[in-house]
């Protein structure tokens, strides 16, 4: 998932959550639009964090895979001798 997709998706979810919460409370949904912006910002930052976390984990897994491949090749060389 791209960075823009993650951030905008989580931001849209934050607006949805805020709208749903106000609807449950039977309060006017758009009476205070700054609360929607705050929810979008908070959830968007969570999306940004999760995107970067996923990228770091993917890089760590790739590095670990390379180490394991090198160790396997070295073990096969020792076994062949």
Protein backbone atom coordinates (compact mmCIF):
# COMPACT_ATOMS: atom_id res chain seq x y z
CA UNK A 1 0.00 0.00 0.00
CA UNK A 2 1.33 3.42 -0.87
CA UNK A 3 2.01 6.18 1.63
CA UNK A 4 -0.77 8.39 0.31
CA UNK A 5 -3.19 5.48 0.34
CA UNK A 6 -2.36 4.62 3.94
CA UNK A 7 -2.58 8.17 5.25
CA UNK A 8 -5.74 9.11 3.35
CA UNK A 9 -7.43 5.80 4.16
CA UNK A 10 -6.78 6.15 7.87
CA UNK A 11 -7.79 9.83 7.77
CA UNK A 12 -11.08 8.94 6.08
CA UNK A 13 -11.64 6.26 8.70
CA UNK A 14 -11.01 8.86 11.43
CA UNK A 15 -13.65 11.17 9.95
CA UNK A 16 -16.03 8.23 9.71
CA UNK A 17 -15.41 7.31 13.36
CA UNK A 18 -15.99 10.91 14.49
CA UNK A 19 -19.17 11.18 12.44
CA UNK A 20 -20.43 7.86 13.81
CA UNK A 21 -19.65 8.90 17.39
CA UNK A 22 -21.57 12.16 16.97
CA UNK A 23 -24.44 10.26 15.36
CA UNK A 24 -24.63 7.88 18.31
CA UNK A 25 -24.78 10.84 20.66
CA UNK A 26 -27.51 12.39 18.49
CA UNK A 27 -25.50 15.59 18.19
CA UNK A 28 -25.25 17.69 15.03
CA UNK A 29 -22.70 15.94 12.83
CA UNK A 30 -21.10 18.99 11.21
CA UNK A 31 -21.52 21.55 14.00
CA UNK A 32 -17.80 21.55 14.84
CA UNK A 33 -15.73 20.71 11.75
CA UNK A 34 -12.44 21.17 13.62
CA UNK A 35 -13.13 17.93 15.50
CA UNK A 36 -13.35 16.13 12.15
CA UNK A 37 -10.03 17.67 11.10
CA UNK A 38 -8.47 16.62 14.40
CA UNK A 39 -9.74 13.05 13.98
CA UNK A 40 -8.47 12.97 10.39
CA UNK A 41 -5.07 14.25 11.52
CA UNK A 42 -4.75 11.77 14.36
CA UNK A 43 -5.84 8.79 12.29
CA UNK A 44 -3.73 10.00 9.34
CA UNK A 45 -0.65 10.10 11.56
CA UNK A 46 -1.43 6.57 12.73
CA UNK A 47 -1.60 5.53 9.07
CA UNK A 48 1.76 7.23 8.42
CA UNK A 49 3.32 5.43 11.38
CA UNK A 50 1.94 2.06 10.32
CA UNK A 51 3.15 2.56 6.75
CA UNK A 52 6.69 3.32 7.96
CA UNK A 53 6.52 0.39 10.39
CA UNK A 54 5.57 -1.94 7.56
CA UNK A 55 8.45 -0.63 5.42
CA UNK A 56 10.96 -1.14 8.26
CA UNK A 57 9.67 -4.65 8.92
CA UNK A 58 9.88 -5.56 5.23
CA UNK A 59 13.48 -4.32 5.10
CA UNK A 60 14.37 -6.24 8.27
CA UNK A 61 12.82 -9.43 6.90
CA UNK A 62 14.73 -9.03 3.62
CA UNK A 63 18.00 -8.52 5.51
CA UNK A 64 17.33 -11.56 7.69
CA UNK A 65 16.50 -13.62 4.60
CA UNK A 66 19.85 -12.67 3.02
CA UNK A 67 21.68 -13.72 6.19
CA UNK A 68 19.84 -17.03 6.24
CA UNK A 69 20.63 -17.67 2.56
CA UNK A 70 24.33 -16.99 3.19
CA UNK A 71 24.32 -19.27 6.23
CA UNK A 72 22.62 -22.03 4.24
CA UNK A 73 25.16 -21.71 1.42
CA UNK A 74 28.01 -21.86 3.90
CA UNK A 75 26.50 -24.93 5.61
CA UNK A 76 26.09 -26.66 2.24
CA UNK A 77 29.74 -25.94 1.39
CA UNK A 78 30.85 -27.43 4.71
CA UNK A 79 28.64 -30.46 4.18
CA UNK A 80 30.05 -31.02 0.67
CA UNK A 81 33.62 -31.11 1.98
